[in-house]
């Protein structure tokens, strides 16, 4: 049975900084990237956490496909808008700073929006939306990505998993944090089923001919994921529409790549990923305490609504992730045995040995 390793968050944070510094990324930028990656692992979104350190970021830095010393460049700016070129740098630092600028503009104008072009994978979308919470604002974050998802009635991957994140503060309840892909599942889930020799549920993906398949290999080799909702009979065109919307805001509006032109992790060209951010100052619309109280009322009413037979709890979006993060503070960041093996092997190859002592191993 595979082991689970638990590490101190501060130790992993230090290691990530050392790893990125190996590729000439500044300590400040490395620290921001470490915050985003560890936020993903702490919240239970391990597909976007430390597992990507060497396999995605390290791989592309090694090949010269990410500019380690990039500085964001403002292309256009108004009182309420900002267009940024990330100069092919890591997605995390440029996105973090752009969202901060969005928040500062919203403090003055009530609402601000920003786009980023010429970027790379930025981790979990929810991280940037949640930056707005401490300022009593609503945060929004979109990004496009390499093509993995077919259009409804199509048979080829033409859109990314293009996530949507919205964060809204409440009073005593946890904030509402929607952070979701617009595909029915991430591609990593298909890979897991393939490695385990299992069939995937019908409706997750299609083969190269556009037919729904339960064979994960057919999805991975010339097939595609289906959009959120699945096939048309399950109204998958809604997920298709959401994925396209994200690509318009993130890619077309920003001047980044879009659709099939976004480079995926296995493509040896600059990714030119695009992002979109927005910050909404709540008290530009109504008094903040009343808003938060009403959010509590709404969220509580949902959680207290009648449960289906056999169910004990109704969750609000982000609630499970906040509880995961709370546990990570005391138990440490949980990494799979496979992830630790990858970090160990790549750490040796890249000259940054993964020499951390785990808190415990299960």
Protein backbone atom coordinates (compact mmCIF):
# COMPACT_ATOMS: atom_id res chain seq x y z
CA UNK A 1 0.00 0.00 0.00
CA UNK A 2 1.33 3.44 -0.96
CA UNK A 3 2.64 5.60 1.87
CA UNK A 4 1.60 9.14 2.77
CA UNK A 5 4.25 11.60 3.95
CA UNK A 6 3.55 14.67 6.09
CA UNK A 7 5.95 17.62 5.98
CA UNK A 8 6.19 20.93 7.83
CA UNK A 9 4.84 23.68 5.64
CA UNK A 10 7.81 25.92 6.48
CA UNK A 11 10.25 23.21 5.38
CA UNK A 12 8.50 22.71 2.05
CA UNK A 13 8.31 26.48 1.58
CA UNK A 14 12.07 26.77 2.08
CA UNK A 15 12.73 23.88 -0.32
CA UNK A 16 10.56 25.38 -3.07
CA UNK A 17 12.44 28.69 -2.76
CA UNK A 18 15.76 26.83 -3.02
CA UNK A 19 14.52 24.90 -6.04
CA UNK A 20 13.31 27.93 -7.97
CA UNK A 21 16.44 29.87 -6.99
CA UNK A 22 18.44 27.10 -8.66
CA UNK A 23 16.89 28.31 -11.93
CA UNK A 24 17.67 31.99 -11.21
CA UNK A 25 14.16 32.91 -10.02
CA UNK A 26 14.38 35.70 -7.42
CA UNK A 27 13.77 34.82 -3.77
CA UNK A 28 10.73 37.13 -3.73
CA UNK A 29 9.16 35.49 -6.79
CA UNK A 30 10.05 32.02 -5.50
CA UNK A 31 8.36 32.76 -2.18
CA UNK A 32 5.14 33.82 -3.93
CA UNK A 33 5.18 30.66 -6.05
CA UNK A 34 5.79 28.59 -2.92
CA UNK A 35 2.79 30.21 -1.21
CA UNK A 36 0.52 29.34 -4.14
CA UNK A 37 1.75 25.75 -4.51
CA UNK A 38 1.49 25.01 -0.79
CA UNK A 39 -1.93 26.63 -0.61
CA UNK A 40 -3.08 24.05 -3.16
CA UNK A 41 -1.66 21.12 -1.17
CA UNK A 42 -2.97 22.46 2.13
CA UNK A 43 -6.46 22.87 0.69
CA UNK A 44 -6.42 19.34 -0.74
CA UNK A 45 -5.94 20.30 -4.39
CA UNK A 46 -2.74 18.30 -4.71
CA UNK A 47 -2.91 18.16 -8.51
CA UNK A 48 -1.88 21.85 -8.51
CA UNK A 49 0.59 21.71 -5.64
CA UNK A 50 4.16 20.59 -5.04
CA UNK A 51 3.71 17.71 -7.49
CA UNK A 52 4.07 20.28 -10.30
CA UNK A 53 7.30 21.80 -8.94
CA UNK A 54 9.69 19.63 -10.94
CA UNK A 55 7.41 17.94 -13.47
CA UNK A 56 6.00 21.18 -14.91
CA UNK A 57 7.83 24.29 -13.68
CA UNK A 58 11.26 22.69 -13.35
CA UNK A 59 10.91 20.95 -16.70
CA UNK A 60 10.03 24.17 -18.51
CA UNK A 61 12.67 26.23 -16.70
CA UNK A 62 15.25 23.58 -17.59
CA UNK A 63 14.30 23.86 -21.27
CA UNK A 64 14.32 27.65 -21.25
CA UNK A 65 10.56 27.81 -21.83
CA UNK A 66 9.93 30.06 -18.80
CA UNK A 67 11.78 33.33 -18.22
CA UNK A 68 13.04 33.10 -14.60
CA UNK A 69 13.84 36.81 -14.33
CA UNK A 70 10.69 38.22 -15.91
CA UNK A 71 9.25 41.52 -14.70
CA UNK A 72 5.60 42.33 -15.37
CA UNK A 73 5.09 45.12 -17.86
CA UNK A 74 1.99 47.33 -17.89
CA UNK A 75 0.64 47.50 -21.44
CA UNK A 76 -2.48 49.63 -20.85
CA UNK A 77 -4.00 51.18 -17.74
CA UNK A 78 -7.01 53.24 -16.70
CA UNK A 79 -8.53 54.03 -13.32
CA UNK A 80 -10.45 50.74 -13.36
CA UNK A 81 -8.55 48.50 -15.78
CA UNK A 82 -5.08 47.07 -16.20
CA UNK A 83 -3.50 45.05 -19.00
CA UNK A 84 -0.23 43.32 -18.13
CA UNK A 85 2.44 41.39 -20.03
CA UNK A 86 4.08 38.79 -17.79
CA UNK A 87 7.13 38.48 -20.08
CA UNK A 88 6.86 34.66 -20.10
CA UNK A 89 7.57 34.49 -16.37
CA UNK A 90 6.15 32.14 -13.76
CA UNK A 91 2.41 32.62 -13.54
CA UNK A 92 2.27 32.96 -9.74
CA UNK A 93 4.26 36.17 -9.04
CA UNK A 94 2.81 38.13 -11.95
CA UNK A 95 -0.73 37.06 -11.11
CA UNK A 96 -0.32 37.81 -7.40
CA UNK A 97 0.96 41.32 -8.10
CA UNK A 98 -1.68 41.99 -10.75
CA UNK A 99 -4.48 41.02 -8.38
CA UNK A 100 -3.00 43.31 -5.71
CA UNK A 101 -3.07 46.18 -8.21
CA UNK A 102 -6.66 45.28 -9.04
CA UNK A 103 -7.57 45.48 -5.36
CA UNK A 104 -5.87 48.87 -4.96
CA UNK A 105 -7.78 50.24 -7.95
CA UNK A 106 -11.06 48.85 -6.59
CA UNK A 107 -10.46 50.66 -3.27
CA UNK A 108 -10.61 53.93 -5.19
CA UNK A 109 -13.08 53.12 -7.97
CA UNK A 110 -15.28 50.40 -6.49
CA UNK A 111 -14.47 47.91 -9.24
CA UNK A 112 -11.36 46.94 -11.17
CA UNK A 113 -10.47 44.34 -13.79
CA UNK A 114 -7.14 43.18 -15.16
CA UNK A 115 -5.77 40.88 -17.83
CA UNK A 116 -2.38 39.15 -18.07
CA UNK A 117 -0.83 37.81 -21.26
CA UNK A 118 2.41 35.98 -22.03
CA UNK A 119 2.22 34.02 -18.78
CA UNK A 120 2.43 30.43 -17.61
CA UNK A 121 0.43 28.08 -15.37
CA UNK A 122 -0.47 30.03 -12.21
CA UNK A 123 -1.55 27.24 -9.84
CA UNK A 124 -4.99 27.23 -8.23
CA UNK A 125 -7.32 29.96 -9.45
CA UNK A 126 -8.86 30.32 -6.01
CA UNK A 127 -5.64 31.70 -4.50
CA UNK A 128 -5.97 34.96 -6.41
CA UNK A 129 -9.71 35.34 -5.89
CA UNK A 130 -9.14 34.88 -2.15
CA UNK A 131 -6.63 37.75 -2.08
CA UNK A 132 -9.66 40.07 -2.14
CA UNK A 133 -11.29 38.61 0.98
CA UNK A 134 -9.16 40.42 3.57
CA UNK A 135 -10.11 43.71 1.90
CA UNK A 136 -13.86 43.01 2.18
CA UNK A 137 -14.07 42.55 -1.55
CA UNK A 138 -15.30 39.93 -3.98
CA UNK A 139 -12.45 38.41 -5.98
CA UNK A 140 -12.64 36.78 -9.40
CA UNK A 141 -9.95 34.82 -11.23
CA UNK A 142 -9.96 33.00 -14.58
CA UNK A 143 -7.20 31.38 -16.63
CA UNK A 144 -6.97 29.47 -19.86
CA UNK A 145 -4.70 26.48 -20.41
CA UNK A 146 -3.48 24.02 -23.02
CA UNK A 147 -6.16 22.18 -25.02
CA UNK A 148 -7.59 19.10 -23.30
CA UNK A 149 -11.36 19.53 -23.73
CA UNK A 150 -13.52 18.93 -26.81
CA UNK A 151 -16.32 21.21 -27.89
CA UNK A 152 -19.81 19.71 -27.69
CA UNK A 153 -20.20 17.50 -30.82
CA UNK A 154 -16.44 17.76 -31.46
CA UNK A 155 -13.81 15.04 -31.33
CA UNK A 156 -10.61 17.03 -30.80
CA UNK A 157 -9.24 18.83 -27.74
CA UNK A 158 -9.67 22.52 -28.54
CA UNK A 159 -10.06 24.22 -25.14
CA UNK A 160 -8.31 24.05 -21.79
CA UNK A 161 -9.84 23.01 -18.49
CA UNK A 162 -10.15 26.79 -18.02
CA UNK A 163 -11.02 27.26 -14.32
CA UNK A 164 -13.31 29.81 -12.72
CA UNK A 165 -12.78 31.11 -9.18
CA UNK A 166 -14.98 33.49 -7.18
CA UNK A 167 -14.40 34.37 -3.51
CA UNK A 168 -16.98 36.20 -1.39
CA UNK A 169 -16.60 37.15 2.31
CA UNK A 170 -19.14 36.33 5.01
CA UNK A 171 -19.48 37.27 8.69
CA UNK A 172 -19.17 34.19 10.93
CA UNK A 173 -19.43 31.61 8.16
CA UNK A 174 -16.48 30.59 6.00
CA UNK A 175 -16.16 32.64 2.81
CA UNK A 176 -17.82 31.29 -0.32
CA UNK A 177 -14.96 30.14 -2.57
CA UNK A 178 -15.94 28.56 -5.86
CA UNK A 179 -12.84 27.19 -7.60
CA UNK A 180 -13.70 24.81 -10.41
CA UNK A 181 -12.50 23.59 -13.77
CA UNK A 182 -14.90 23.82 -16.69
CA UNK A 183 -14.11 20.23 -17.70
CA UNK A 184 -15.97 17.35 -16.08
CA UNK A 185 -12.72 16.07 -14.50
CA UNK A 186 -9.03 17.08 -14.64
CA UNK A 187 -6.77 15.17 -17.00
CA UNK A 188 -4.81 13.88 -14.00
CA UNK A 189 -7.85 11.89 -12.88
CA UNK A 190 -7.84 10.05 -16.21
CA UNK A 191 -4.14 9.27 -15.78
CA UNK A 192 -4.77 7.82 -12.32
CA UNK A 193 -7.40 5.44 -13.71
CA UNK A 194 -5.04 4.39 -16.51
CA UNK A 195 -2.21 3.62 -14.07
CA UNK A 196 -4.60 1.60 -11.91
CA UNK A 197 -5.92 -0.33 -14.91
CA UNK A 198 -9.46 0.87 -14.25
CA UNK A 199 -12.23 1.97 -16.59
CA UNK A 200 -13.38 5.58 -16.29
CA UNK A 201 -17.05 6.46 -15.73
CA UNK A 202 -19.01 6.92 -18.93
CA UNK A 203 -19.23 10.58 -19.89
CA UNK A 204 -15.81 11.71 -18.71
CA UNK A 205 -14.05 11.55 -22.05
CA UNK A 206 -14.13 10.63 -25.72
CA UNK A 207 -11.85 8.71 -28.08
CA UNK A 208 -10.23 10.05 -31.24
CA UNK A 209 -13.46 9.52 -33.18
CA UNK A 210 -15.55 11.53 -30.73
CA UNK A 211 -17.30 8.53 -29.21
CA UNK A 212 -17.74 8.34 -25.43
CA UNK A 213 -15.28 5.83 -24.03
CA UNK A 214 -14.60 4.17 -20.70
CA UNK A 215 -10.98 3.41 -21.67
CA UNK A 216 -8.66 6.04 -20.15
CA UNK A 217 -5.93 5.27 -22.69
CA UNK A 218 -8.27 6.22 -25.54
CA UNK A 219 -8.86 9.60 -23.89
CA UNK A 220 -5.15 10.21 -23.35
CA UNK A 221 -4.07 9.04 -26.80
CA UNK A 222 -5.87 11.23 -29.29
CA UNK A 223 -9.13 11.68 -27.39
CA UNK A 224 -10.31 14.50 -25.16
CA UNK A 225 -12.05 15.36 -21.92
CA UNK A 226 -15.68 16.38 -22.04
CA UNK A 227 -16.77 19.77 -20.71
CA UNK A 228 -18.55 20.15 -17.39
CA UNK A 229 -21.84 18.28 -17.66
CA UNK A 230 -20.50 15.70 -20.10
CA UNK A 231 -22.31 14.88 -23.38
CA UNK A 232 -25.11 17.01 -24.81
CA UNK A 233 -27.83 14.81 -23.28
CA UNK A 234 -26.46 15.92 -19.88
CA UNK A 235 -26.33 19.54 -21.07
CA UNK A 236 -22.55 19.54 -21.43
CA UNK A 237 -22.83 22.52 -23.77
CA UNK A 238 -23.16 24.63 -20.61
CA UNK A 239 -19.68 23.62 -19.49
CA UNK A 240 -18.47 24.14 -23.06
CA UNK A 241 -19.88 27.66 -22.95
CA UNK A 242 -18.19 28.39 -19.62
CA UNK A 243 -14.83 27.13 -20.93
CA UNK A 244 -15.18 29.32 -24.01
CA UNK A 245 -16.15 32.32 -21.87
CA UNK A 246 -12.99 31.89 -19.78
CA UNK A 247 -10.89 31.67 -22.93
CA UNK A 248 -12.40 34.90 -24.26
CA UNK A 249 -11.70 36.81 -21.03
CA UNK A 250 -8.28 35.24 -20.42
CA UNK A 251 -6.96 34.75 -23.94
CA UNK A 252 -8.70 36.95 -26.48
CA UNK A 253 -9.22 40.00 -24.26
CA UNK A 254 -5.66 39.90 -22.88
CA UNK A 255 -3.95 39.30 -26.22
CA UNK A 256 -2.60 35.93 -25.02
CA UNK A 257 -2.90 32.63 -26.85
CA UNK A 258 -6.33 31.00 -26.93
CA UNK A 259 -7.97 27.75 -27.95
CA UNK A 260 -5.55 25.28 -29.50
CA UNK A 261 -2.73 27.85 -29.63
CA UNK A 262 -2.11 27.69 -25.86
CA UNK A 263 0.91 25.45 -25.27
CA UNK A 264 0.35 22.54 -22.91
CA UNK A 265 2.87 20.98 -20.53
CA UNK A 266 4.24 18.62 -23.16
CA UNK A 267 4.79 21.26 -25.86
CA UNK A 268 8.25 22.79 -26.26
CA UNK A 269 7.14 26.34 -26.97
CA UNK A 270 6.32 29.30 -24.73
CA UNK A 271 2.86 28.75 -23.28
CA UNK A 272 1.52 32.35 -23.59
CA UNK A 273 -1.21 31.57 -21.06
CA UNK A 274 -3.69 34.36 -20.29
CA UNK A 275 -5.40 35.29 -17.02
CA UNK A 276 -8.27 37.55 -15.97
CA UNK A 277 -8.81 39.11 -12.54
CA UNK A 278 -11.46 41.32 -10.97
CA UNK A 279 -12.01 42.92 -7.58
CA UNK A 280 -15.38 44.29 -6.46
CA UNK A 281 -15.60 46.63 -3.46
CA UNK A 282 -18.75 45.56 -1.66
CA UNK A 283 -19.40 48.85 0.13
CA UNK A 284 -19.57 50.57 -3.25
CA UNK A 285 -22.94 48.81 -3.48
CA UNK A 286 -24.11 48.43 0.12
CA UNK A 287 -22.90 48.58 3.71
CA UNK A 288 -20.41 45.76 4.30
CA UNK A 289 -21.75 44.51 7.66
CA UNK A 290 -25.25 44.04 6.23
CA UNK A 291 -23.82 42.23 3.22
CA UNK A 292 -21.83 39.84 5.39
CA UNK A 293 -24.82 39.19 7.63
CA UNK A 294 -26.95 38.37 4.61
CA UNK A 295 -24.22 36.05 3.32
CA UNK A 296 -24.32 34.24 6.66
CA UNK A 297 -28.09 33.95 6.42
CA UNK A 298 -27.91 32.54 2.89
CA UNK A 299 -25.11 30.07 3.60
CA UNK A 300 -26.66 28.90 6.87
CA UNK A 301 -30.03 28.35 5.22
CA UNK A 302 -28.38 26.12 2.62
CA UNK A 303 -26.43 24.12 5.18
CA UNK A 304 -29.51 23.70 7.37
CA UNK A 305 -31.78 22.63 4.52
CA UNK A 306 -33.09 19.02 4.57
CA UNK A 307 -30.45 16.38 3.78
CA UNK A 308 -30.92 13.52 1.37
CA UNK A 309 -31.30 10.07 2.92
CA UNK A 310 -27.94 8.86 4.20
CA UNK A 311 -26.30 12.29 4.05
CA UNK A 312 -25.18 14.11 7.18
CA UNK A 313 -23.96 17.45 5.89
CA UNK A 314 -24.39 20.01 3.12
CA UNK A 315 -21.20 21.87 2.25
CA UNK A 316 -20.65 25.36 0.91
CA UNK A 317 -18.06 25.76 -1.85
CA UNK A 318 -14.60 26.11 -0.30
CA UNK A 319 -15.66 24.74 3.09
CA UNK A 320 -13.93 21.38 2.70
CA UNK A 321 -10.79 23.13 1.48
CA UNK A 322 -10.71 25.47 4.49
CA UNK A 323 -11.03 22.49 6.81
CA UNK A 324 -8.21 20.71 4.96
CA UNK A 325 -6.04 23.81 5.38
CA UNK A 326 -6.80 23.91 9.11
CA UNK A 327 -5.65 20.30 9.47
CA UNK A 328 -2.51 21.01 7.48
CA UNK A 329 -1.47 23.60 10.06
CA UNK A 330 -1.26 20.95 12.79
CA UNK A 331 -0.62 17.76 10.79
CA UNK A 332 1.61 19.15 8.04
CA UNK A 333 1.34 19.12 4.25
CA UNK A 334 0.40 15.69 2.92
CA UNK A 335 2.36 14.35 -0.06
CA UNK A 336 1.91 10.99 -1.75
CA UNK A 337 4.74 8.48 -1.97
CA UNK A 338 4.80 8.96 -5.76
CA UNK A 339 5.23 12.72 -5.36
CA UNK A 340 8.06 12.28 -2.85
CA UNK A 341 9.81 9.89 -5.26
CA UNK A 342 9.53 12.41 -8.10
CA UNK A 343 10.84 15.24 -5.91
CA UNK A 344 13.71 13.05 -4.72
CA UNK A 345 14.74 11.93 -8.20
CA UNK A 346 14.39 15.35 -9.85
CA UNK A 347 16.02 17.06 -6.89
CA UNK A 348 19.15 14.99 -7.43
CA UNK A 349 19.13 15.59 -11.19
CA UNK A 350 18.61 19.33 -10.75
CA UNK A 351 21.16 19.76 -7.97
CA UNK A 352 18.63 20.58 -5.24
CA UNK A 353 18.34 17.40 -3.15
CA UNK A 354 14.95 16.87 -1.55
CA UNK A 355 16.40 16.21 1.89
CA UNK A 356 13.45 17.07 4.13
CA UNK A 357 12.57 14.97 7.15
CA UNK A 358 8.84 14.17 7.27
CA UNK A 359 6.81 14.79 10.40
CA UNK A 360 5.33 11.32 10.01
CA UNK A 361 4.72 8.59 7.44
CA UNK A 362 1.52 6.59 7.18
